[in-house]
N, C-alpha and C. Protein backbone atom coordinates (compact mmCIF):
# COMPACT_ATOMS: atom_id res chain seq x y z
N MET A 1 72.15 170.59 108.83
CA MET A 1 70.90 170.51 107.86
C MET A 1 71.00 169.37 107.72
N ARG A 2 69.32 169.17 107.88
CA ARG A 2 68.90 167.84 107.96
C ARG A 2 67.54 167.95 106.81
N VAL A 3 67.40 167.27 105.99
CA VAL A 3 65.76 167.03 105.54
C VAL A 3 64.79 166.05 106.06
N ARG A 4 63.93 166.34 106.29
CA ARG A 4 62.36 166.03 107.13
C ARG A 4 60.96 166.24 106.21
N SER A 5 60.38 165.32 106.37
CA SER A 5 59.14 165.65 105.83
C SER A 5 58.46 166.98 106.64
N ALA A 6 57.66 167.79 105.80
CA ALA A 6 57.12 168.99 105.95
C ALA A 6 55.79 168.77 107.00
N GLU A 7 55.61 169.72 107.87
CA GLU A 7 54.72 169.82 108.89
C GLU A 7 53.99 171.04 108.55
N HIS A 8 52.63 171.16 108.97
CA HIS A 8 51.55 171.98 108.94
C HIS A 8 52.45 173.37 109.57
N ARG A 9 52.89 173.29 110.62
CA ARG A 9 53.44 174.80 111.32
C ARG A 9 54.47 175.23 110.14
N ASP A 10 55.23 174.42 109.08
CA ASP A 10 56.14 175.09 108.45
C ASP A 10 55.75 175.72 107.15
N LEU A 11 54.30 175.74 106.99
CA LEU A 11 53.92 175.57 105.78
C LEU A 11 54.48 177.94 105.50
N PRO A 12 54.03 178.63 106.92
CA PRO A 12 53.93 180.16 106.50
C PRO A 12 55.44 180.04 106.07
N LEU A 13 56.32 179.32 106.57
CA LEU A 13 57.98 179.99 106.37
C LEU A 13 57.97 179.34 104.77
N LEU A 14 57.48 178.50 104.63
CA LEU A 14 57.56 177.80 103.04
C LEU A 14 57.57 179.08 102.07
N ARG A 15 56.26 179.69 102.46
CA ARG A 15 55.79 180.93 101.86
C ARG A 15 56.53 182.20 101.79
N GLU A 16 57.51 182.07 102.40
CA GLU A 16 58.67 183.32 102.86
C GLU A 16 60.18 183.03 102.20
N ILE A 17 59.89 181.33 102.32
CA ILE A 17 61.37 181.28 101.34
C ILE A 17 61.31 181.28 99.92
N GLU A 18 60.03 181.15 99.46
CA GLU A 18 59.66 181.01 98.20
C GLU A 18 60.00 182.60 97.67
N ARG A 19 59.49 183.43 98.62
CA ARG A 19 59.68 184.84 98.32
C ARG A 19 60.79 185.28 98.06
N ALA A 20 61.81 184.87 99.32
CA ALA A 20 63.19 185.53 99.28
C ALA A 20 63.80 184.85 97.99
N ALA A 21 63.28 183.34 97.52
CA ALA A 21 64.26 182.70 96.67
C ALA A 21 63.60 183.21 95.23
N GLY A 22 62.81 183.80 95.14
CA GLY A 22 62.08 184.61 94.24
C GLY A 22 62.87 185.83 93.71
N GLU A 23 63.51 186.42 94.84
CA GLU A 23 64.13 188.05 94.55
C GLU A 23 65.24 187.70 93.52
N PRO A 24 66.52 186.83 93.56
CA PRO A 24 67.23 186.96 92.49
C PRO A 24 66.67 186.71 91.26
N PHE A 25 65.54 186.59 90.70
CA PHE A 25 64.86 186.87 89.33
C PHE A 25 65.16 188.22 88.92
N ARG A 26 64.80 188.66 90.20
CA ARG A 26 64.57 190.17 89.55
C ARG A 26 65.78 191.43 88.71
N ALA A 27 66.91 190.60 89.16
CA ALA A 27 68.34 191.13 88.48
C ALA A 27 68.55 190.96 87.12
N LEU A 28 67.56 189.57 86.95
CA LEU A 28 67.96 188.58 85.41
C LEU A 28 67.00 189.28 84.54
N GLY A 29 66.17 190.80 84.82
CA GLY A 29 65.03 191.07 83.89
C GLY A 29 63.93 190.17 84.34
N MET A 30 63.55 189.36 85.29
CA MET A 30 62.23 188.71 85.51
C MET A 30 61.58 189.07 86.79
N ALA A 31 61.02 190.47 86.81
CA ALA A 31 60.72 191.14 87.96
C ALA A 31 59.57 190.11 88.06
N GLU A 32 58.22 190.17 86.82
CA GLU A 32 57.28 189.40 87.00
C GLU A 32 57.79 188.03 87.81
N ILE A 33 58.57 187.00 87.54
CA ILE A 33 59.10 185.63 88.59
C ILE A 33 59.10 186.20 89.86
N ALA A 34 59.91 187.40 90.35
CA ALA A 34 60.18 187.42 91.49
C ALA A 34 58.92 188.24 92.03
N ASP A 35 57.93 188.64 91.82
CA ASP A 35 56.64 189.30 92.36
C ASP A 35 55.57 188.01 92.77
N ASP A 36 55.81 187.27 91.80
CA ASP A 36 54.83 185.88 91.90
C ASP A 36 54.69 185.42 93.42
N GLU A 37 53.49 185.00 93.43
CA GLU A 37 53.26 184.49 94.70
C GLU A 37 53.28 183.51 95.23
N PRO A 38 53.88 182.80 96.31
CA PRO A 38 54.01 181.46 96.36
C PRO A 38 52.60 180.61 95.97
N PRO A 39 52.88 179.54 96.45
CA PRO A 39 51.59 178.61 96.53
C PRO A 39 51.06 178.99 97.87
N GLY A 40 49.86 178.77 97.93
CA GLY A 40 48.96 179.48 99.30
C GLY A 40 49.15 178.07 100.17
N GLU A 41 48.80 178.40 101.39
CA GLU A 41 48.32 177.30 102.52
C GLU A 41 47.77 176.09 101.80
N GLY A 42 46.71 176.30 101.03
CA GLY A 42 45.55 175.46 100.62
C GLY A 42 46.76 173.98 99.82
N GLU A 43 47.38 174.69 99.05
CA GLU A 43 47.96 173.96 98.07
C GLU A 43 49.39 173.01 98.32
N LEU A 44 49.54 173.81 99.42
CA LEU A 44 50.98 173.46 100.37
C LEU A 44 50.37 172.23 101.25
N SER A 45 49.38 172.95 101.95
CA SER A 45 48.67 171.60 102.86
C SER A 45 48.76 170.08 102.07
N ARG A 46 47.86 170.28 100.51
CA ARG A 46 47.25 169.27 100.01
C ARG A 46 48.60 168.30 99.86
N ARG A 47 49.67 168.84 99.79
CA ARG A 47 51.08 168.66 98.87
C ARG A 47 51.56 167.32 100.52
N LEU A 48 51.48 168.20 101.93
CA LEU A 48 51.61 167.78 102.99
C LEU A 48 51.10 166.76 103.39
N ARG A 49 49.39 166.45 103.06
CA ARG A 49 48.69 165.60 102.93
C ARG A 49 49.08 164.17 102.25
N ALA A 50 49.48 164.44 101.50
CA ALA A 50 49.61 164.00 100.08
C ALA A 50 51.25 162.92 100.31
N GLY A 51 51.79 163.05 101.36
CA GLY A 51 53.53 162.72 101.80
C GLY A 51 54.58 163.23 100.34
N LEU A 52 53.97 164.83 100.03
CA LEU A 52 54.91 165.19 98.52
C LEU A 52 55.56 166.82 99.40
N ALA A 53 55.50 166.86 100.47
CA ALA A 53 56.48 167.95 100.78
C ALA A 53 57.16 167.71 101.84
N TRP A 54 58.73 168.02 102.10
CA TRP A 54 59.58 167.84 102.44
C TRP A 54 60.57 169.14 102.76
N VAL A 55 61.20 169.45 104.08
CA VAL A 55 61.66 170.62 104.17
C VAL A 55 63.11 170.39 104.67
N ALA A 56 64.54 171.41 104.40
CA ALA A 56 65.43 171.27 104.85
C ALA A 56 65.46 172.06 105.96
N VAL A 57 66.13 171.88 107.31
CA VAL A 57 65.58 172.44 108.67
C VAL A 57 67.35 172.49 108.88
N ASP A 58 67.26 173.89 109.52
CA ASP A 58 68.66 174.23 110.39
C ASP A 58 68.86 173.32 111.80
N GLU A 59 69.22 173.85 112.30
CA GLU A 59 69.65 173.57 113.93
C GLU A 59 68.47 173.84 114.67
N ARG A 60 67.87 175.19 114.46
CA ARG A 60 66.40 174.87 115.29
C ARG A 60 65.27 174.48 114.51
N ASP A 61 65.52 173.14 113.69
CA ASP A 61 64.18 172.57 113.04
C ASP A 61 63.54 173.46 112.63
N LEU A 62 64.30 174.94 111.94
CA LEU A 62 63.44 175.90 110.94
C LEU A 62 63.77 175.96 109.31
N PRO A 63 62.24 175.45 108.43
CA PRO A 63 62.90 175.64 107.51
C PRO A 63 63.84 176.53 106.52
N VAL A 64 64.54 176.34 105.54
CA VAL A 64 65.48 177.16 105.25
C VAL A 64 65.36 177.02 103.34
N GLY A 65 64.38 175.37 103.40
CA GLY A 65 64.52 175.34 101.73
C GLY A 65 63.28 174.07 101.80
N TYR A 66 62.58 173.84 100.65
CA TYR A 66 61.77 172.74 100.52
C TYR A 66 61.30 172.30 99.48
N LEU A 67 60.83 171.58 99.19
CA LEU A 67 60.66 170.89 97.58
C LEU A 67 59.12 170.10 98.17
N ILE A 68 58.36 170.40 97.09
CA ILE A 68 56.97 169.94 97.03
C ILE A 68 57.10 168.92 95.64
N ALA A 69 56.45 168.13 95.40
CA ALA A 69 56.17 166.76 94.12
C ALA A 69 54.76 166.65 94.24
N GLU A 70 54.82 165.89 92.86
CA GLU A 70 53.56 165.56 92.84
C GLU A 70 53.67 164.35 91.57
N TRP A 71 52.62 163.84 91.14
CA TRP A 71 53.07 162.64 90.14
C TRP A 71 52.76 163.25 89.09
N VAL A 72 53.22 163.09 87.97
CA VAL A 72 53.01 163.06 86.78
C VAL A 72 53.59 161.85 86.01
N ASP A 73 52.77 161.44 84.61
CA ASP A 73 52.83 160.32 83.96
C ASP A 73 53.56 159.44 84.87
N GLY A 74 53.22 159.18 85.87
CA GLY A 74 53.51 157.78 86.67
C GLY A 74 55.33 157.93 86.99
N GLU A 75 55.53 159.31 87.39
CA GLU A 75 56.75 159.64 87.41
C GLU A 75 56.98 160.98 88.47
N ALA A 76 57.49 160.53 89.84
CA ALA A 76 57.83 162.37 90.80
C ALA A 76 58.06 163.40 89.71
N HIS A 77 57.57 163.99 90.12
CA HIS A 77 57.65 165.83 89.31
C HIS A 77 57.69 166.50 90.64
N VAL A 78 59.30 167.31 90.31
CA VAL A 78 59.82 168.15 91.65
C VAL A 78 58.63 169.65 90.49
N ALA A 79 57.61 169.93 91.78
CA ALA A 79 56.57 170.96 91.28
C ALA A 79 57.39 172.33 91.72
N GLN A 80 57.94 172.38 92.79
CA GLN A 80 58.71 173.38 93.61
C GLN A 80 59.77 173.24 94.27
N VAL A 81 61.28 173.87 94.11
CA VAL A 81 62.36 173.68 95.34
C VAL A 81 62.57 174.47 94.97
N SER A 82 62.69 174.98 96.26
CA SER A 82 63.23 176.64 96.78
C SER A 82 63.98 176.31 97.83
N VAL A 83 64.97 177.21 97.91
CA VAL A 83 66.09 177.25 99.05
C VAL A 83 66.58 179.35 99.42
N HIS A 84 66.01 179.34 100.61
CA HIS A 84 66.22 180.60 100.90
C HIS A 84 67.50 181.30 100.46
N PRO A 85 67.97 182.42 99.88
CA PRO A 85 69.51 182.88 99.62
C PRO A 85 70.16 182.85 100.74
N ASP A 86 70.12 183.12 102.07
CA ASP A 86 70.70 183.08 102.90
C ASP A 86 71.58 181.75 103.05
N HIS A 87 70.96 180.62 102.35
CA HIS A 87 71.49 179.56 103.10
C HIS A 87 72.15 178.51 101.70
N ALA A 88 71.92 179.27 100.86
CA ALA A 88 72.38 178.71 99.29
C ALA A 88 73.99 178.57 98.75
N ARG A 89 74.14 177.82 98.44
CA ARG A 89 75.42 176.74 98.08
C ARG A 89 75.76 175.96 99.10
N ARG A 90 74.92 175.34 99.56
CA ARG A 90 74.95 174.41 100.93
C ARG A 90 74.61 173.22 100.40
N ARG A 91 74.32 172.77 99.34
CA ARG A 91 73.81 171.55 99.06
C ARG A 91 72.44 171.43 99.06
N ILE A 92 71.92 172.02 99.30
CA ILE A 92 70.17 171.97 100.51
C ILE A 92 69.43 171.58 99.18
N GLY A 93 69.84 172.23 98.03
CA GLY A 93 68.96 171.69 97.15
C GLY A 93 68.60 170.74 96.49
N ARG A 94 70.05 169.90 96.17
CA ARG A 94 70.59 168.83 95.86
C ARG A 94 70.06 167.80 97.06
N ALA A 95 70.44 167.89 98.41
CA ALA A 95 69.45 167.41 99.28
C ALA A 95 68.12 166.85 99.34
N LEU A 96 67.06 167.91 99.13
CA LEU A 96 65.79 167.72 98.65
C LEU A 96 65.72 167.34 97.75
N LEU A 97 65.95 167.07 96.52
CA LEU A 97 66.24 166.23 95.22
C LEU A 97 66.44 164.66 95.48
N GLU A 98 67.33 164.53 96.28
CA GLU A 98 67.81 162.95 96.50
C GLU A 98 66.46 162.26 97.55
N ARG A 99 66.00 163.50 98.48
CA ARG A 99 65.12 162.94 99.52
C ARG A 99 63.98 162.31 98.44
N LEU A 100 63.39 163.39 97.55
CA LEU A 100 62.53 163.24 96.60
C LEU A 100 62.61 161.58 95.47
N ALA A 101 64.27 161.54 95.27
CA ALA A 101 64.66 160.73 94.35
C ALA A 101 64.62 159.00 95.43
N ASP A 102 64.68 159.23 96.99
CA ASP A 102 64.66 157.93 97.64
C ASP A 102 63.41 157.60 97.79
N HIS A 103 61.90 158.80 97.46
CA HIS A 103 60.61 158.42 98.00
C HIS A 103 60.00 157.37 96.57
N ALA A 104 60.78 158.39 95.75
CA ALA A 104 59.88 157.79 94.02
C ALA A 104 60.54 156.46 94.23
N ARG A 105 62.17 155.88 94.13
CA ARG A 105 62.75 154.89 93.59
C ARG A 105 61.95 153.78 94.99
N GLU A 106 61.23 154.26 96.12
CA GLU A 106 60.31 153.26 97.12
C GLU A 106 58.98 153.22 96.40
N ARG A 107 58.61 153.83 95.53
CA ARG A 107 57.39 153.57 94.70
C ARG A 107 57.27 153.46 93.63
N GLY A 108 58.73 153.02 92.98
CA GLY A 108 58.77 152.18 91.94
C GLY A 108 58.83 153.11 90.54
N SER A 109 59.09 154.67 90.89
CA SER A 109 58.96 155.73 89.87
C SER A 109 60.25 155.47 89.22
N PRO A 110 60.34 155.48 88.23
CA PRO A 110 61.75 155.22 86.98
C PRO A 110 62.33 156.59 86.99
N ALA A 111 61.98 157.66 87.51
CA ALA A 111 62.58 158.94 87.02
C ALA A 111 61.78 159.76 87.77
N LEU A 112 62.54 161.07 87.72
CA LEU A 112 62.25 162.21 88.37
C LEU A 112 62.39 163.66 87.07
N THR A 113 60.82 164.20 87.32
CA THR A 113 60.97 165.01 86.35
C THR A 113 60.68 166.18 86.23
N LEU A 114 60.62 167.51 86.07
CA LEU A 114 60.57 169.09 86.52
C LEU A 114 60.73 169.84 85.34
N THR A 115 60.38 171.00 85.13
CA THR A 115 60.12 172.43 84.10
C THR A 115 61.14 172.83 84.91
N THR A 116 61.90 174.13 83.73
CA THR A 116 62.83 174.79 84.79
C THR A 116 62.70 175.98 83.56
N PHE A 117 63.68 176.97 83.91
CA PHE A 117 64.13 178.07 83.31
C PHE A 117 65.67 177.75 82.48
N ALA A 118 65.50 177.59 81.23
CA ALA A 118 66.59 177.13 80.44
C ALA A 118 68.01 177.61 80.90
N GLU A 119 67.50 179.19 80.87
CA GLU A 119 69.33 180.26 80.59
C GLU A 119 69.47 180.79 82.09
N VAL A 120 68.72 179.95 82.88
CA VAL A 120 69.01 181.02 84.70
C VAL A 120 69.69 180.05 85.35
N PRO A 121 71.17 180.81 85.61
CA PRO A 121 72.20 179.34 86.33
C PRO A 121 71.64 178.69 87.18
N TRP A 122 70.58 178.98 87.99
CA TRP A 122 70.29 178.28 89.47
C TRP A 122 68.74 177.54 88.67
N ASN A 123 68.93 177.51 87.41
CA ASN A 123 67.69 176.55 87.01
C ASN A 123 68.29 175.10 86.10
N ALA A 124 68.15 175.15 84.78
CA ALA A 124 68.37 174.53 84.25
C ALA A 124 69.71 173.66 83.78
N PRO A 125 70.89 174.86 84.03
CA PRO A 125 72.49 174.76 84.71
C PRO A 125 72.41 173.93 85.64
N TYR A 126 71.95 174.38 86.77
CA TYR A 126 71.91 173.53 87.79
C TYR A 126 71.29 172.13 87.96
N TYR A 127 70.66 172.09 87.37
CA TYR A 127 70.12 170.76 87.36
C TYR A 127 70.58 169.81 86.41
N ARG A 128 70.96 170.12 85.21
CA ARG A 128 71.87 169.53 84.30
C ARG A 128 73.17 169.06 85.23
N ARG A 129 73.47 169.48 86.29
CA ARG A 129 74.66 169.14 87.53
C ARG A 129 74.36 167.80 88.11
N CYS A 130 72.63 167.65 89.08
CA CYS A 130 72.18 167.07 89.32
C CYS A 130 71.67 165.73 88.74
N GLY A 131 71.84 165.46 87.60
CA GLY A 131 71.41 164.20 86.33
C GLY A 131 70.37 164.43 85.79
N PHE A 132 69.86 165.68 86.00
CA PHE A 132 68.83 165.93 84.53
C PHE A 132 68.73 166.24 83.29
N ALA A 133 68.23 165.60 82.26
CA ALA A 133 68.39 165.64 80.78
C ALA A 133 67.34 166.61 80.31
N GLU A 134 67.81 167.29 79.57
CA GLU A 134 66.76 168.11 78.55
C GLU A 134 65.83 167.03 78.13
N LEU A 135 64.05 167.51 78.17
CA LEU A 135 63.82 166.21 77.16
C LEU A 135 62.96 167.18 76.01
N ALA A 136 63.04 166.47 74.69
CA ALA A 136 62.93 166.98 73.56
C ALA A 136 61.22 167.20 73.62
N PRO A 137 60.01 167.90 72.64
CA PRO A 137 59.04 167.86 73.14
C PRO A 137 58.31 166.87 73.00
N GLU A 138 58.83 166.00 71.69
CA GLU A 138 57.85 164.55 71.67
C GLU A 138 58.36 163.89 72.41
N GLU A 139 59.34 163.75 73.71
CA GLU A 139 59.30 162.80 74.76
C GLU A 139 58.29 163.17 76.01
N LEU A 140 57.42 164.20 75.78
CA LEU A 140 56.84 164.23 77.02
C LEU A 140 55.62 163.62 76.89
N GLY A 141 55.20 162.88 78.29
CA GLY A 141 54.17 162.35 78.11
C GLY A 141 52.66 163.44 78.42
N PRO A 142 51.75 163.04 77.94
CA PRO A 142 50.49 163.71 78.24
C PRO A 142 50.34 164.65 79.14
N GLU A 143 50.77 163.92 80.49
CA GLU A 143 50.44 164.82 81.69
C GLU A 143 51.73 166.19 82.25
N LEU A 144 52.49 165.34 81.42
CA LEU A 144 53.84 166.86 81.66
C LEU A 144 53.57 167.82 80.54
N ARG A 145 53.06 167.54 79.27
CA ARG A 145 52.72 168.51 77.98
C ARG A 145 51.72 169.78 78.90
N ALA A 146 50.84 168.78 79.45
CA ALA A 146 49.56 169.44 80.09
C ALA A 146 50.40 170.82 81.19
N VAL A 147 51.37 170.12 81.79
CA VAL A 147 51.98 170.97 82.66
C VAL A 147 52.38 171.76 81.45
N ARG A 148 53.42 171.44 80.86
CA ARG A 148 53.80 172.62 79.69
C ARG A 148 53.40 173.88 79.16
N ARG A 149 51.74 173.15 79.04
CA ARG A 149 50.70 174.18 78.17
C ARG A 149 49.77 175.15 79.72
N ARG A 150 50.00 174.82 80.36
CA ARG A 150 49.76 175.37 81.95
C ARG A 150 50.76 177.04 82.19
N GLU A 151 51.53 176.55 81.87
CA GLU A 151 52.96 177.37 82.65
C GLU A 151 53.25 178.60 81.15
N ALA A 152 52.92 177.81 79.90
CA ALA A 152 52.61 179.03 78.86
C ALA A 152 51.37 179.98 78.79
N GLU A 153 50.59 178.99 79.72
CA GLU A 153 48.99 179.79 79.55
C GLU A 153 49.57 181.16 80.54
N LEU A 154 50.27 180.37 81.46
CA LEU A 154 50.99 181.59 82.30
C LEU A 154 51.46 182.51 82.55
N GLY A 155 52.18 182.88 80.78
CA GLY A 155 53.45 183.37 80.70
C GLY A 155 54.61 183.15 81.11
N LEU A 156 54.60 182.21 81.31
CA LEU A 156 56.08 181.77 81.50
C LEU A 156 57.03 181.31 80.35
N ASP A 157 56.27 180.77 79.32
CA ASP A 157 57.25 180.91 78.08
C ASP A 157 57.49 182.42 77.41
N ARG A 158 57.13 183.18 78.02
CA ARG A 158 57.94 184.80 77.99
C ARG A 158 59.53 184.79 77.73
N TRP A 159 60.52 183.25 79.09
CA TRP A 159 61.66 183.51 79.02
C TRP A 159 61.46 181.22 78.53
N PRO A 160 62.93 181.60 77.78
CA PRO A 160 62.85 180.20 77.37
C PRO A 160 62.80 179.00 78.98
N ARG A 161 62.37 177.88 78.67
CA ARG A 161 61.72 177.12 79.31
C ARG A 161 61.92 175.17 78.67
N VAL A 162 62.44 174.55 79.47
CA VAL A 162 62.40 173.04 79.31
C VAL A 162 62.24 172.32 80.34
N ALA A 163 61.69 171.06 80.03
CA ALA A 163 61.16 169.84 80.87
C ALA A 163 62.51 169.08 80.68
N MET A 164 62.73 168.78 81.40
CA MET A 164 63.89 167.81 82.12
C MET A 164 63.77 166.44 83.01
N ARG A 165 64.04 164.97 82.99
CA ARG A 165 64.48 164.26 83.37
C ARG A 165 65.75 163.69 83.80
N ARG A 166 65.63 162.88 85.26
CA ARG A 166 66.85 162.17 85.65
C ARG A 166 66.02 160.85 85.78
N VAL A 167 67.18 160.20 85.30
CA VAL A 167 66.18 158.30 85.23
C VAL A 167 66.94 157.96 86.91
N LEU A 168 66.26 156.82 87.66
CA LEU A 168 66.40 156.66 88.70
C LEU A 168 67.17 155.09 88.76
N ALA A 169 66.38 154.32 87.89
CA ALA A 169 67.34 153.16 87.79
C ALA A 169 68.67 153.02 87.63
N GLY A 170 68.96 151.96 88.73
CA GLY A 170 70.61 151.59 88.66
C GLY A 170 71.27 153.09 88.89
N ASP A 171 70.77 154.42 89.40
CA ASP A 171 71.29 155.36 89.60
C ASP A 171 71.54 155.68 91.14
N ALA A 172 72.73 155.72 91.58
CA ALA A 172 73.53 155.78 92.70
C ALA A 172 72.67 156.98 93.56
N GLY A 173 72.24 158.02 93.15
CA GLY A 173 71.99 159.17 94.13
C GLY A 173 72.92 160.06 94.32
């Protein structure tokens, strides 16, 4: 498995990965999350053009996971990271996060941020193992607060959510 920049030809597969990665939420009583449509190709293309989309690929160079990012409050923000369940537990998500961390360091970002479900095992508990720490509401910058507001408007706060941050300065990755 290797991580590379996403290419336009990957975009349809990224949507398939997202749909498959959403299915485990159904078993947690979160069918709305499982049924949520992935980002459209237009949104994915925008991230690709901005250099903020990476894929983990198999030996045939086909994506099995992806990460898209954006800049929020001057820090690299994980907008989405998904791994196809057939390839879970192989450190693919971590490899994608590390690629973003490298990208962020190269551009002088002091940290990575993300928002996620607090109680879903492959969400906040996983990100803690990857070096992220929960942020108190007063620690959120204005843009990250806006991200959380949009999530609440979409109904995501029906389940506990948190914002998290991983400091990169001196981080060995």
